[in-house]
Amino acid sequence: MNDRTILAVAGSSLALATLCGALGAHELKGALTPLALGTFETAVRYQFYHSLGLLAVGIVAGSHRAVWIVRSAWLLIAGIALFSGSLYALTFGAPHVFGVLTPLGGLALIVGWVTFALAVRSAD
């Protein structure tokens, strides 16, 4: 994966987060329980935060050719998909077993950011 691909994935994820946020604000408020709406909003918020971070990783990847920066991007993408994706699924009635994916996604996000920090620190 190169910097342009990372940036494209970040932009796509930001567009999806914006769409989900609008859906939550305008269509789901009356349709979901307060607990389900809170879960949905958490998914949107974390997708936004980490997609913006992924955008920064893509920018840095353009000037630092460290393989670990790309690996951090993969971890962040997986983390966004697992964390936010599992919360979205749970919001709309997926089996509770999907809840196992949420902490795995959180762990991928944490490891992704640590990997990024170490990669930038050790870059030439």
PDB file of N, CA and C in Angstrom:
ATOM      1  N   MET A   1       0.858  -1.169   0.000  1.00  0.00           N
ATOM      2  CA  MET A   1       0.000   0.000   0.000  1.00  0.00           C
ATOM      3  C   MET A   1       0.901   1.228   0.000  1.00  0.00           C
ATOM      4  N   ASN A   2       0.528   2.221  -0.796  1.00  0.00           N
ATOM      5  CA  ASN A   2       1.320   3.452  -0.835  1.00  0.00           C
ATOM      6  C   ASN A   2       0.530   4.605  -0.216  1.00  0.00           C
ATOM      7  N   ASP A   3       1.158   5.771  -0.177  1.00  0.00           N
ATOM      8  CA  ASP A   3       0.539   6.924   0.469  1.00  0.00           C
ATOM      9  C   ASP A   3      -0.778   7.325  -0.188  1.00  0.00           C
ATOM     10  N   ARG A   4      -0.868   7.219  -1.489  1.00  0.00           N
ATOM     11  CA  ARG A   4      -2.105   7.607  -2.184  1.00  0.00           C
ATOM     12  C   ARG A   4      -3.250   6.663  -1.839  1.00  0.00           C
ATOM     13  N   THR A   5      -2.944   5.395  -1.690  1.00  0.00           N
ATOM     14  CA  THR A   5      -3.971   4.425  -1.306  1.00  0.00           C
ATOM     15  C   THR A   5      -4.439   4.687   0.120  1.00  0.00           C
ATOM     16  N   ILE A   6      -3.496   4.956   1.017  1.00  0.00           N
ATOM     17  CA  ILE A   6      -3.856   5.274   2.401  1.00  0.00           C
ATOM     18  C   ILE A   6      -4.763   6.504   2.432  1.00  0.00           C
ATOM     19  N   LEU A   7      -4.405   7.533   1.674  1.00  0.00           N
ATOM     20  CA  LEU A   7      -5.213   8.756   1.630  1.00  0.00           C
ATOM     21  C   LEU A   7      -6.596   8.488   1.047  1.00  0.00           C
ATOM     22  N   ALA A   8      -6.674   7.643   0.027  1.00  0.00           N
ATOM     23  CA  ALA A   8      -7.967   7.313  -0.573  1.00  0.00           C
ATOM     24  C   ALA A   8      -8.851   6.546   0.411  1.00  0.00           C
ATOM     25  N   VAL A   9      -8.264   5.610   1.147  1.00  0.00           N
ATOM     26  CA  VAL A   9      -9.032   4.862   2.145  1.00  0.00           C
ATOM     27  C   VAL A   9      -9.493   5.812   3.254  1.00  0.00           C
ATOM     28  N   ALA A  10      -8.607   6.708   3.686  1.00  0.00           N
ATOM     29  CA  ALA A  10      -8.979   7.675   4.728  1.00  0.00           C
ATOM     30  C   ALA A  10     -10.125   8.561   4.256  1.00  0.00           C
ATOM     31  N   GLY A  11     -10.033   9.055   3.046  1.00  0.00           N
ATOM     32  CA  GLY A  11     -11.107   9.897   2.504  1.00  0.00           C
ATOM     33  C   GLY A  11     -12.417   9.144   2.390  1.00  0.00           C
ATOM     34  N   SER A  12     -12.358   7.905   1.948  1.00  0.00           N
ATOM     35  CA  SER A  12     -13.564   7.086   1.837  1.00  0.00           C
ATOM     36  C   SER A  12     -14.175   6.824   3.212  1.00  0.00           C
ATOM     37  N   SER A  13     -13.328   6.543   4.186  1.00  0.00           N
ATOM     38  CA  SER A  13     -13.812   6.304   5.541  1.00  0.00           C
ATOM     39  C   SER A  13     -14.422   7.560   6.146  1.00  0.00           C
ATOM     40  N   LEU A  14     -13.831   8.712   5.860  1.00  0.00           N
ATOM     41  CA  LEU A  14     -14.401   9.975   6.330  1.00  0.00           C
ATOM     42  C   LEU A  14     -15.755  10.249   5.680  1.00  0.00           C
ATOM     43  N   ALA A  15     -15.884   9.947   4.407  1.00  0.00           N
ATOM     44  CA  ALA A  15     -17.172  10.124   3.729  1.00  0.00           C
ATOM     45  C   ALA A  15     -18.228   9.205   4.349  1.00  0.00           C
ATOM     46  N   LEU A  16     -17.848   7.962   4.621  1.00  0.00           N
ATOM     47  CA  LEU A  16     -18.780   7.020   5.238  1.00  0.00           C
ATOM     48  C   LEU A  16     -19.162   7.470   6.646  1.00  0.00           C
ATOM     49  N   ALA A  17     -18.201   7.958   7.410  1.00  0.00           N
ATOM     50  CA  ALA A  17     -18.494   8.445   8.759  1.00  0.00           C
ATOM     51  C   ALA A  17     -19.441   9.641   8.708  1.00  0.00           C
ATOM     52  N   THR A  18     -19.250  10.521   7.731  1.00  0.00           N
ATOM     53  CA  THR A  18     -20.139  11.672   7.570  1.00  0.00           C
ATOM     54  C   THR A  18     -21.551  11.211   7.221  1.00  0.00           C
ATOM     55  N   LEU A  19     -21.643  10.258   6.325  1.00  0.00           N
ATOM     56  CA  LEU A  19     -22.943   9.711   5.947  1.00  0.00           C
ATOM     57  C   LEU A  19     -23.631   9.065   7.156  1.00  0.00           C
ATOM     58  N   CYS A  20     -22.884   8.269   7.904  1.00  0.00           N
ATOM     59  CA  CYS A  20     -23.454   7.614   9.088  1.00  0.00           C
ATOM     60  C   CYS A  20     -23.854   8.640  10.143  1.00  0.00           C
ATOM     61  N   GLY A  21     -23.043   9.662  10.322  1.00  0.00           N
ATOM     62  CA  GLY A  21     -23.381  10.709  11.281  1.00  0.00           C
ATOM     63  C   GLY A  21     -24.668  11.429  10.904  1.00  0.00           C
ATOM     64  N   ALA A  22     -24.820  11.722   9.626  1.00  0.00           N
ATOM     65  CA  ALA A  22     -26.047  12.374   9.158  1.00  0.00           C
ATOM     66  C   ALA A  22     -27.244  11.447   9.326  1.00  0.00           C
ATOM     67  N   LEU A  23     -27.056  10.187   9.017  1.00  0.00           N
ATOM     68  CA  LEU A  23     -28.114   9.205   9.194  1.00  0.00           C
ATOM     69  C   LEU A  23     -28.539   9.142  10.664  1.00  0.00           C
ATOM     70  N   GLY A  24     -27.562   9.106  11.543  1.00  0.00           N
ATOM     71  CA  GLY A  24     -27.866   9.056  12.973  1.00  0.00           C
ATOM     72  C   GLY A  24     -28.577  10.299  13.467  1.00  0.00           C
ATOM     73  N   ALA A  25     -28.160  11.449  12.977  1.00  0.00           N
ATOM     74  CA  ALA A  25     -28.748  12.708  13.440  1.00  0.00           C
ATOM     75  C   ALA A  25     -30.155  12.938  12.900  1.00  0.00           C
ATOM     76  N   HIS A  26     -30.411  12.453  11.683  1.00  0.00           N
ATOM     77  CA  HIS A  26     -31.676  12.805  11.040  1.00  0.00           C
ATOM     78  C   HIS A  26     -32.677  11.662  10.924  1.00  0.00           C
ATOM     79  N   GLU A  27     -32.215  10.450  10.866  1.00  0.00           N
ATOM     80  CA  GLU A  27     -33.139   9.346  10.607  1.00  0.00           C
ATOM     81  C   GLU A  27     -33.269   8.351  11.759  1.00  0.00           C
ATOM     82  N   LEU A  28     -32.233   8.199  12.547  1.00  0.00           N
ATOM     83  CA  LEU A  28     -32.242   7.125  13.537  1.00  0.00           C
ATOM     84  C   LEU A  28     -32.679   7.548  14.931  1.00  0.00           C
ATOM     85  N   LYS A  29     -32.721   8.841  15.201  1.00  0.00           N
ATOM     86  CA  LYS A  29     -33.056   9.300  16.554  1.00  0.00           C
ATOM     87  C   LYS A  29     -34.378   8.725  17.047  1.00  0.00           C
ATOM     88  N   GLY A  30     -35.386   8.702  16.236  1.00  0.00           N
ATOM     89  CA  GLY A  30     -36.676   8.175  16.659  1.00  0.00           C
ATOM     90  C   GLY A  30     -36.815   6.675  16.488  1.00  0.00           C
ATOM     91  N   ALA A  31     -35.906   6.089  15.718  1.00  0.00           N
ATOM     92  CA  ALA A  31     -36.032   4.672  15.398  1.00  0.00           C
ATOM     93  C   ALA A  31     -35.254   3.758  16.335  1.00  0.00           C
ATOM     94  N   LEU A  32     -34.254   4.296  17.036  1.00  0.00           N
ATOM     95  CA  LEU A  32     -33.410   3.482  17.902  1.00  0.00           C
ATOM     96  C   LEU A  32     -33.646   3.821  19.367  1.00  0.00           C
ATOM     97  N   THR A  33     -33.374   2.869  20.211  1.00  0.00           N
ATOM     98  CA  THR A  33     -33.408   3.136  21.649  1.00  0.00           C
ATOM     99  C   THR A  33     -32.255   4.082  21.981  1.00  0.00           C
ATOM    100  N   PRO A  34     -32.323   4.777  23.104  1.00  0.00           N
ATOM    101  CA  PRO A  34     -31.200   5.642  23.484  1.00  0.00           C
ATOM    102  C   PRO A  34     -29.877   4.877  23.591  1.00  0.00           C
ATOM    103  N   LEU A  35     -29.912   3.644  24.086  1.00  0.00           N
ATOM    104  CA  LEU A  35     -28.688   2.841  24.185  1.00  0.00           C
ATOM    105  C   LEU A  35     -28.127   2.522  22.798  1.00  0.00           C
ATOM    106  N   ALA A  36     -28.992   2.095  21.894  1.00  0.00           N
ATOM    107  CA  ALA A  36     -28.548   1.770  20.532  1.00  0.00           C
ATOM    108  C   ALA A  36     -28.028   3.016  19.818  1.00  0.00           C
ATOM    109  N   LEU A  37     -28.699   4.143  20.003  1.00  0.00           N
ATOM    110  CA  LEU A  37     -28.243   5.386  19.383  1.00  0.00           C
ATOM    111  C   LEU A  37     -26.883   5.797  19.944  1.00  0.00           C
ATOM    112  N   GLY A  38     -26.684   5.614  21.243  1.00  0.00           N
ATOM    113  CA  GLY A  38     -25.380   5.907  21.850  1.00  0.00           C
ATOM    114  C   GLY A  38     -24.285   5.027  21.280  1.00  0.00           C
ATOM    115  N   THR A  39     -24.592   3.755  21.079  1.00  0.00           N
ATOM    116  CA  THR A  39     -23.626   2.829  20.474  1.00  0.00           C
ATOM    117  C   THR A  39     -23.285   3.275  19.062  1.00  0.00           C
ATOM    118  N   PHE A  40     -24.293   3.642  18.302  1.00  0.00           N
ATOM    119  CA  PHE A  40     -24.094   4.116  16.928  1.00  0.00           C
ATOM    120  C   PHE A  40     -23.224   5.374  16.910  1.00  0.00           C
ATOM    121  N   GLU A  41     -23.524   6.312  17.800  1.00  0.00           N
ATOM    122  CA  GLU A  41     -22.746   7.558  17.864  1.00  0.00           C
ATOM    123  C   GLU A  41     -21.297   7.304  18.258  1.00  0.00           C
ATOM    124  N   THR A  42     -21.060   6.323  19.131  1.00  0.00           N
ATOM    125  CA  THR A  42     -19.683   5.954  19.482  1.00  0.00           C
ATOM    126  C   THR A  42     -18.954   5.419  18.254  1.00  0.00           C
ATOM    127  N   ALA A  43     -19.621   4.588  17.478  1.00  0.00           N
ATOM    128  CA  ALA A  43     -19.015   4.047  16.259  1.00  0.00           C
ATOM    129  C   ALA A  43     -18.639   5.166  15.290  1.00  0.00           C
ATOM    130  N   VAL A  44     -19.552   6.116  15.099  1.00  0.00           N
ATOM    131  CA  VAL A  44     -19.291   7.243  14.192  1.00  0.00           C
ATOM    132  C   VAL A  44     -18.125   8.078  14.696  1.00  0.00           C
ATOM    133  N   ARG A  45     -18.128   8.392  15.994  1.00  0.00           N
ATOM    134  CA  ARG A  45     -17.078   9.241  16.577  1.00  0.00           C
ATOM    135  C   ARG A  45     -15.699   8.601  16.411  1.00  0.00           C
ATOM    136  N   TYR A  46     -15.591   7.320  16.751  1.00  0.00           N
ATOM    137  CA  TYR A  46     -14.297   6.659  16.620  1.00  0.00           C
ATOM    138  C   TYR A  46     -13.880   6.511  15.165  1.00  0.00           C
ATOM    139  N   GLN A  47     -14.841   6.284  14.271  1.00  0.00           N
ATOM    140  CA  GLN A  47     -14.495   6.226  12.857  1.00  0.00           C
ATOM    141  C   GLN A  47     -13.952   7.570  12.388  1.00  0.00           C
ATOM    142  N   PHE A  48     -14.570   8.659  12.819  1.00  0.00           N
ATOM    143  CA  PHE A  48     -14.069   9.986  12.461  1.00  0.00           C
ATOM    144  C   PHE A  48     -12.658  10.211  12.996  1.00  0.00           C
ATOM    145  N   TYR A  49     -12.470  10.003  14.289  1.00  0.00           N
ATOM    146  CA  TYR A  49     -11.159  10.253  14.900  1.00  0.00           C
ATOM    147  C   TYR A  49     -10.053   9.501  14.171  1.00  0.00           C
ATOM    148  N   HIS A  50     -10.257   8.224  13.989  1.00  0.00           N
ATOM    149  CA  HIS A  50      -9.189   7.403  13.442  1.00  0.00           C
ATOM    150  C   HIS A  50      -9.054   7.552  11.931  1.00  0.00           C
ATOM    151  N   SER A  51     -10.116   7.933  11.254  1.00  0.00           N
ATOM    152  CA  SER A  51     -10.004   8.228   9.819  1.00  0.00           C
ATOM    153  C   SER A  51      -9.201   9.507   9.601  1.00  0.00           C
ATOM    154  N   LEU A  52      -9.416  10.493  10.456  1.00  0.00           N
ATOM    155  CA  LEU A  52      -8.588  11.709  10.379  1.00  0.00           C
ATOM    156  C   LEU A  52      -7.127  11.375  10.669  1.00  0.00           C
ATOM    157  N   GLY A  53      -6.927  10.513  11.649  1.00  0.00           N
ATOM    158  CA  GLY A  53      -5.566  10.070  11.944  1.00  0.00           C
ATOM    159  C   GLY A  53      -4.954   9.318  10.775  1.00  0.00           C
ATOM    160  N   LEU A  54      -5.756   8.478  10.128  1.00  0.00           N
ATOM    161  CA  LEU A  54      -5.278   7.737   8.963  1.00  0.00           C
ATOM    162  C   LEU A  54      -4.899   8.698   7.840  1.00  0.00           C
ATOM    163  N   LEU A  55      -5.631   9.780   7.718  1.00  0.00           N
ATOM    164  CA  LEU A  55      -5.287  10.805   6.748  1.00  0.00           C
ATOM    165  C   LEU A  55      -3.884  11.352   7.028  1.00  0.00           C
ATOM    166  N   ALA A  56      -3.591  11.614   8.288  1.00  0.00           N
ATOM    167  CA  ALA A  56      -2.256  12.084   8.673  1.00  0.00           C
ATOM    168  C   ALA A  56      -1.197  11.026   8.387  1.00  0.00           C
ATOM    169  N   VAL A  57      -1.520   9.774   8.650  1.00  0.00           N
ATOM    170  CA  VAL A  57      -0.570   8.687   8.356  1.00  0.00           C
ATOM    171  C   VAL A  57      -0.266   8.658   6.864  1.00  0.00           C
ATOM    172  N   GLY A  58      -1.295   8.846   6.038  1.00  0.00           N
ATOM    173  CA  GLY A  58      -1.075   8.871   4.591  1.00  0.00           C
ATOM    174  C   GLY A  58      -0.180  10.016   4.153  1.00  0.00           C
ATOM    175  N   ILE A  59      -0.343  11.162   4.781  1.00  0.00           N
ATOM    176  CA  ILE A  59       0.510  12.309   4.467  1.00  0.00           C
ATOM    177  C   ILE A  59       1.954  12.017   4.859  1.00  0.00           C
ATOM    178  N   VAL A  60       2.140  11.470   6.042  1.00  0.00           N
ATOM    179  CA  VAL A  60       3.496  11.130   6.500  1.00  0.00           C
ATOM    180  C   VAL A  60       4.104  10.041   5.620  1.00  0.00           C
ATOM    181  N   ALA A  61       3.280   9.086   5.194  1.00  0.00           N
ATOM    182  CA  ALA A  61       3.780   8.001   4.347  1.00  0.00           C
ATOM    183  C   ALA A  61       4.341   8.530   3.026  1.00  0.00           C
ATOM    184  N   GLY A  62       3.871   9.698   2.588  1.00  0.00           N
ATOM    185  CA  GLY A  62       4.391  10.288   1.360  1.00  0.00           C
ATOM    186  C   GLY A  62       5.822  10.769   1.476  1.00  0.00           C
ATOM    187  N   SER A  63       6.250  11.098   2.685  1.00  0.00           N
ATOM    188  CA  SER A  63       7.616  11.598   2.860  1.00  0.00           C
ATOM    189  C   SER A  63       8.532  10.631   3.602  1.00  0.00           C
ATOM    190  N   HIS A  64       7.969   9.632   4.243  1.00  0.00           N
ATOM    191  CA  HIS A  64       8.742   8.607   4.948  1.00  0.00           C
ATOM    192  C   HIS A  64       8.397   7.255   4.325  1.00  0.00           C
ATOM    193  N   ARG A  65       9.353   6.603   3.787  1.00  0.00           N
ATOM    194  CA  ARG A  65       9.090   5.329   3.109  1.00  0.00           C
ATOM    195  C   ARG A  65       9.287   4.129   4.033  1.00  0.00           C
ATOM    196  N   ALA A  66       9.045   4.286   5.317  1.00  0.00           N
ATOM    197  CA  ALA A  66       9.222   3.192   6.271  1.00  0.00           C
ATOM    198  C   ALA A  66       8.088   2.180   6.128  1.00  0.00           C
ATOM    199  N   VAL A  67       8.435   0.912   6.042  1.00  0.00           N
ATOM    200  CA  VAL A  67       7.450  -0.147   5.919  1.00  0.00           C
ATOM    201  C   VAL A  67       6.524  -0.179   7.138  1.00  0.00           C
ATOM    202  N   TRP A  68       7.015   0.235   8.296  1.00  0.00           N
ATOM    203  CA  TRP A  68       6.200   0.205   9.512  1.00  0.00           C
ATOM    204  C   TRP A  68       5.108   1.271   9.501  1.00  0.00           C
ATOM    205  N   ILE A  69       5.286   2.327   8.738  1.00  0.00           N
ATOM    206  CA  ILE A  69       4.208   3.316   8.600  1.00  0.00           C
ATOM    207  C   ILE A  69       3.048   2.686   7.831  1.00  0.00           C
ATOM    208  N   VAL A  70       3.360   1.945   6.795  1.00  0.00           N
ATOM    209  CA  VAL A  70       2.324   1.247   6.035  1.00  0.00           C
ATOM    210  C   VAL A  70       1.654   0.189   6.905  1.00  0.00           C
ATOM    211  N   ARG A  71       2.425  -0.511   7.695  1.00  0.00           N
ATOM    212  CA  ARG A  71       1.844  -1.504   8.605  1.00  0.00           C
ATOM    213  C   ARG A  71       0.925  -0.835   9.627  1.00  0.00           C
ATOM    214  N   SER A  72       1.308   0.338  10.085  1.00  0.00           N
ATOM    215  CA  SER A  72       0.431   1.054  11.022  1.00  0.00           C
ATOM    216  C   SER A  72      -0.877   1.422  10.334  1.00  0.00           C
ATOM    217  N   ALA A  73      -0.813   1.804   9.055  1.00  0.00           N
ATOM    218  CA  ALA A  73      -2.032   2.130   8.311  1.00  0.00           C
ATOM    219  C   ALA A  73      -2.941   0.907   8.219  1.00  0.00           C
ATOM    220  N   TRP A  74      -2.369  -0.257   7.929  1.00  0.00           N
ATOM    221  CA  TRP A  74      -3.171  -1.488   7.868  1.00  0.00           C
ATOM    222  C   TRP A  74      -3.841  -1.770   9.213  1.00  0.00           C
ATOM    223  N   LEU A  75      -3.103  -1.593  10.294  1.00  0.00           N
ATOM    224  CA  LEU A  75      -3.670  -1.816  11.626  1.00  0.00           C
ATOM    225  C   LEU A  75      -4.808  -0.835  11.907  1.00  0.00           C
ATOM    226  N   LEU A  76      -4.633   0.420  11.515  1.00  0.00           N
ATOM    227  CA  LEU A  76      -5.684   1.411  11.724  1.00  0.00           C
ATOM    228  C   LEU A  76      -6.928   1.090  10.896  1.00  0.00           C
ATOM    229  N   ILE A  77      -6.727   0.669   9.666  1.00  0.00           N
ATOM    230  CA  ILE A  77      -7.863   0.298   8.814  1.00  0.00           C
ATOM    231  C   ILE A  77      -8.607  -0.892   9.426  1.00  0.00           C
ATOM    232  N   ALA A  78      -7.854  -1.883   9.856  1.00  0.00           N
ATOM    233  CA  ALA A  78      -8.481  -3.048  10.500  1.00  0.00           C
ATOM    234  C   ALA A  78      -9.194  -2.634  11.778  1.00  0.00           C
ATOM    235  N   GLY A  79      -8.564  -1.753  12.549  1.00  0.00           N
ATOM    236  CA  GLY A  79      -9.169  -1.301  13.794  1.00  0.00           C
ATOM    237  C   GLY A  79     -10.469  -0.555  13.569  1.00  0.00           C
ATOM    238  N   ILE A  80     -10.487   0.328  12.578  1.00  0.00           N
ATOM    239  CA  ILE A  80     -11.713   1.064  12.252  1.00  0.00           C
ATOM    240  C   ILE A  80     -12.814   0.080  11.840  1.00  0.00           C
ATOM    241  N   ALA A  81     -12.462  -0.853  10.971  1.00  0.00           N
ATOM    242  CA  ALA A  81     -13.454  -1.815  10.491  1.00  0.00           C
ATOM    243  C   ALA A  81     -13.991  -2.674  11.634  1.00  0.00           C
ATOM    244  N   LEU A  82     -13.094  -3.167  12.475  1.00  0.00           N
ATOM    245  CA  LEU A  82     -13.527  -4.045  13.563  1.00  0.00           C
ATOM    246  C   LEU A  82     -14.263  -3.282  14.655  1.00  0.00           C
ATOM    247  N   PHE A  83     -13.704  -2.164  15.095  1.00  0.00           N
ATOM    248  CA  PHE A  83     -14.306  -1.423  16.205  1.00  0.00           C
ATOM    249  C   PHE A  83     -15.629  -0.803  15.777  1.00  0.00           C
ATOM    250  N   SER A  84     -15.566   0.101  14.814  1.00  0.00           N
ATOM    251  CA  SER A  84     -16.796   0.781  14.395  1.00  0.00           C
ATOM    252  C   SER A  84     -17.749  -0.182  13.698  1.00  0.00           C
ATOM    253  N   GLY A  85     -17.202  -1.049  12.877  1.00  0.00           N
ATOM    254  CA  GLY A  85     -18.062  -2.004  12.165  1.00  0.00           C
ATOM    255  C   GLY A  85     -18.856  -2.896  13.098  1.00  0.00           C
ATOM    256  N   SER A  86     -18.216  -3.383  14.148  1.00  0.00           N
ATOM    257  CA  SER A  86     -18.940  -4.242  15.092  1.00  0.00           C
ATOM    258  C   SER A  86     -20.004  -3.450  15.844  1.00  0.00           C
ATOM    259  N   LEU A  87     -19.704  -2.188  16.177  1.00  0.00           N
ATOM    260  CA  LEU A  87     -20.708  -1.364  16.859  1.00  0.00           C
ATOM    261  C   LEU A  87     -21.883  -1.045  15.937  1.00  0.00           C
ATOM    262  N   TYR A  88     -21.602  -0.771  14.669  1.00  0.00           N
ATOM    263  CA  TYR A  88     -22.690  -0.553  13.708  1.00  0.00           C
ATOM    264  C   TYR A  88     -23.560  -1.814  13.620  1.00  0.00           C
ATOM    265  N   ALA A  89     -22.899  -2.959  13.518  1.00  0.00           N
ATOM    266  CA  ALA A  89     -23.638  -4.222  13.412  1.00  0.00           C
ATOM    267  C   ALA A  89     -24.495  -4.462  14.651  1.00  0.00           C
ATOM    268  N   LEU A  90     -23.938  -4.231  15.828  1.00  0.00           N
ATOM    269  CA  LEU A  90     -24.697  -4.421  17.067  1.00  0.00           C
ATOM    270  C   LEU A  90     -25.882  -3.463  17.148  1.00  0.00           C
ATOM    271  N   THR A  91     -25.694  -2.251  16.660  1.00  0.00           N
ATOM    272  CA  THR A  91     -26.785  -1.269  16.662  1.00  0.00           C
ATOM    273  C   THR A  91     -28.000  -1.785  15.910  1.00  0.00           C
ATOM    274  N   PHE A  92     -27.744  -2.497  14.829  1.00  0.00           N
ATOM    275  CA  PHE A  92     -28.843  -2.941  13.980  1.00  0.00           C
ATOM    276  C   PHE A  92     -29.214  -4.410  14.187  1.00  0.00           C
ATOM    277  N   GLY A  93     -28.872  -4.926  15.370  1.00  0.00           N
ATOM    278  CA  GLY A  93     -29.386  -6.231  15.758  1.00  0.00           C
ATOM    279  C   GLY A  93     -28.525  -7.434  15.467  1.00  0.00           C
ATOM    280  N   ALA A  94     -27.265  -7.245  15.173  1.00  0.00           N
ATOM    281  CA  ALA A  94     -26.384  -8.399  14.967  1.00  0.00           C
ATOM    282  C   ALA A  94     -26.295  -9.203  16.263  1.00  0.00           C
ATOM    283  N   PRO A  95     -25.983 -10.477  16.163  1.00  0.00           N
ATOM    284  CA  PRO A  95     -25.826 -11.291  17.380  1.00  0.00           C
ATOM    285  C   PRO A  95     -24.773 -10.685  18.313  1.00  0.00           C
ATOM    286  N   HIS A  96     -24.977 -10.875  19.591  1.00  0.00           N
ATOM    287  CA  HIS A  96     -24.074 -10.294  20.594  1.00  0.00           C
ATOM    288  C   HIS A  96     -22.628 -10.768  20.445  1.00  0.00           C
ATOM    289  N   VAL A  97     -22.415 -11.865  19.750  1.00  0.00           N
ATOM    290  CA  VAL A  97     -21.058 -12.363  19.536  1.00  0.00           C
ATOM    291  C   VAL A  97     -20.216 -11.337  18.771  1.00  0.00           C
ATOM    292  N   PHE A  98     -20.852 -10.453  18.020  1.00  0.00           N
ATOM    293  CA  PHE A  98     -20.125  -9.394  17.316  1.00  0.00           C
ATOM    294  C   PHE A  98     -19.411  -8.463  18.298  1.00  0.00           C
ATOM    295  N   GLY A  99     -19.899  -8.423  19.529  1.00  0.00           N
ATOM    296  CA  GLY A  99     -19.267  -7.597  20.554  1.00  0.00           C
ATOM    297  C   GLY A  99     -17.840  -8.005  20.850  1.00  0.00           C
ATOM    298  N   VAL A 100     -17.464  -9.228  20.527  1.00  0.00           N
ATOM    299  CA  VAL A 100     -16.092  -9.698  20.716  1.00  0.00           C
ATOM    300  C   VAL A 100     -15.138  -8.939  19.796  1.00  0.00           C
ATOM    301  N   LEU A 101     -15.638  -8.484  18.666  1.00  0.00           N
ATOM    302  CA  LEU A 101     -14.793  -7.785  17.689  1.00  0.00           C
ATOM    303  C   LEU A 101     -14.433  -6.374  18.128  1.00  0.00           C
ATOM    304  N   THR A 102     -15.267  -5.763  18.958  1.00  0.00           N
ATOM    305  CA  THR A 102     -15.043  -4.378  19.354  1.00  0.00           C
ATOM    306  C   THR A 102     -13.713  -4.186  20.082  1.00  0.00           C
ATOM    307  N   PRO A 103     -13.414  -4.960  21.135  1.00  0.00           N
ATOM    308  CA  PRO A 103     -12.116  -4.768  21.788  1.00  0.00           C
ATOM    309  C   PRO A 103     -10.931  -5.174  20.904  1.00  0.00           C
ATOM    310  N   LEU A 104     -11.143  -6.125  20.001  1.00  0.00           N
ATOM    311  CA  LEU A 104     -10.065  -6.472  19.064  1.00  0.00           C
ATOM    312  C   LEU A 104      -9.764  -5.289  18.146  1.00  0.00           C
ATOM    313  N   GLY A 105     -10.824  -4.606  17.721  1.00  0.00           N
ATOM    314  CA  GLY A 105     -10.638  -3.398  16.921  1.00  0.00           C
ATOM    315  C   GLY A 105      -9.940  -2.312  17.709  1.00  0.00           C
ATOM    316  N   GLY A 106     -10.326  -2.145  18.964  1.00  0.00           N
ATOM    317  CA  GLY A 106      -9.658  -1.161  19.822  1.00  0.00           C
ATOM    318  C   GLY A 106      -8.184  -1.476  19.992  1.00  0.00           C
ATOM    319  N   LEU A 107      -7.877  -2.753  20.163  1.00  0.00           N
ATOM    320  CA  LEU A 107      -6.477  -3.170  20.292  1.00  0.00           C
ATOM    321  C   LEU A 107      -5.708  -2.888  19.002  1.00  0.00           C
ATOM    322  N   ALA A 108      -6.325  -3.160  17.857  1.00  0.00           N
ATOM    323  CA  ALA A 108      -5.673  -2.867  16.572  1.00  0.00           C
ATOM    324  C   ALA A 108      -5.405  -1.378  16.429  1.00  0.00           C
ATOM    325  N   LEU A 109      -6.334  -0.540  16.888  1.00  0.00           N
ATOM    326  CA  LEU A 109      -6.124   0.912  16.834  1.00  0.00           C
ATOM    327  C   LEU A 109      -4.945   1.321  17.720  1.00  0.00           C
ATOM    328  N   ILE A 110      -4.907   0.811  18.925  1.00  0.00           N
ATOM    329  CA  ILE A 110      -3.814   1.144  19.842  1.00  0.00           C
ATOM    330  C   ILE A 110      -2.476   0.698  19.269  1.00  0.00           C
ATOM    331  N   VAL A 111      -2.407  -0.546  18.808  1.00  0.00           N
ATOM    332  CA  VAL A 111      -1.154  -1.062  18.243  1.00  0.00           C
ATOM    333  C   VAL A 111      -0.785  -0.284  16.982  1.00  0.00           C
ATOM    334  N   GLY A 112      -1.775   0.093  16.199  1.00  0.00           N
ATOM    335  CA  GLY A 112      -1.510   0.893  15.000  1.00  0.00           C
ATOM    336  C   GLY A 112      -0.862   2.223  15.335  1.00  0.00           C
ATOM    337  N   TRP A 113      -1.358   2.898  16.370  1.00  0.00           N
ATOM    338  CA  TRP A 113      -0.779   4.191  16.755  1.00  0.00           C
ATOM    339  C   TRP A 113       0.603   4.033  17.380  1.00  0.00           C
ATOM    340  N   VAL A 114       0.800   2.996  18.165  1.00  0.00           N
ATOM    341  CA  VAL A 114       2.135   2.745  18.728  1.00  0.00           C
ATOM    342  C   VAL A 114       3.113   2.423  17.600  1.00  0.00           C
ATOM    343  N   THR A 115       2.677   1.608  16.655  1.00  0.00           N
ATOM    344  CA  THR A 115       3.524   1.268  15.504  1.00  0.00           C
ATOM    345  C   THR A 115       3.888   2.521  14.712  1.00  0.00           C
ATOM    346  N   PHE A 116       2.919   3.390  14.502  1.00  0.00           N
ATOM    347  CA  PHE A 116       3.178   4.642  13.795  1.00  0.00           C
ATOM    348  C   PHE A 116       4.191   5.496  14.538  1.00  0.00           C
ATOM    349  N   ALA A 117       3.990   5.633  15.857  1.00  0.00           N
ATOM    350  CA  ALA A 117       4.903   6.439  16.661  1.00  0.00           C
ATOM    351  C   ALA A 117       6.330   5.900  16.599  1.00  0.00           C
ATOM    352  N   LEU A 118       6.468   4.608  16.703  1.00  0.00           N
ATOM    353  CA  LEU A 118       7.803   4.005  16.636  1.00  0.00           C
ATOM    354  C   LEU A 118       8.411   4.151  15.245  1.00  0.00           C
ATOM    355  N   ALA A 119       7.592   4.011  14.222  1.00  0.00           N
ATOM    356  CA  ALA A 119       8.093   4.154  12.847  1.00  0.00           C
ATOM    357  C   ALA A 119       8.584   5.555  12.573  1.00  0.00           C
ATOM    358  N   VAL A 120       7.837   6.545  13.019  1.00  0.00           N
ATOM    359  CA  VAL A 120       8.234   7.939  12.802  1.00  0.00           C
ATOM    360  C   VAL A 120       9.477   8.256  13.623  1.00  0.00           C
ATOM    361  N   ARG A 121       9.512   7.755  14.823  1.00  0.00           N
ATOM    362  CA  ARG A 121      10.659   8.014  15.713  1.00  0.00           C
ATOM    363  C   ARG A 121      11.940   7.434  15.148  1.00  0.00           C
ATOM    364  N   SER A 122      11.846   6.267  14.526  1.00  0.00           N
ATOM    365  CA  SER A 122      13.046   5.601  14.033  1.00  0.00           C
ATOM    366  C   SER A 122      13.352   5.925  12.562  1.00  0.00           C
ATOM    367  N   ALA A 123      12.501   6.739  11.934  1.00  0.00           N
ATOM    368  CA  ALA A 123      12.719   7.073  10.513  1.00  0.00           C
ATOM    369  C   ALA A 123      13.987   7.908  10.355  1.00  0.00           C
ATOM    370  N   ASP A 124      14.552   7.809   9.183  1.00  0.00           N
ATOM    371  CA  ASP A 124      15.805   8.519   8.885  1.00  0.00           C
ATOM    372  C   ASP A 124      15.700   9.990   9.120  1.00  0.00           C
TER     373      ASP A 124
END
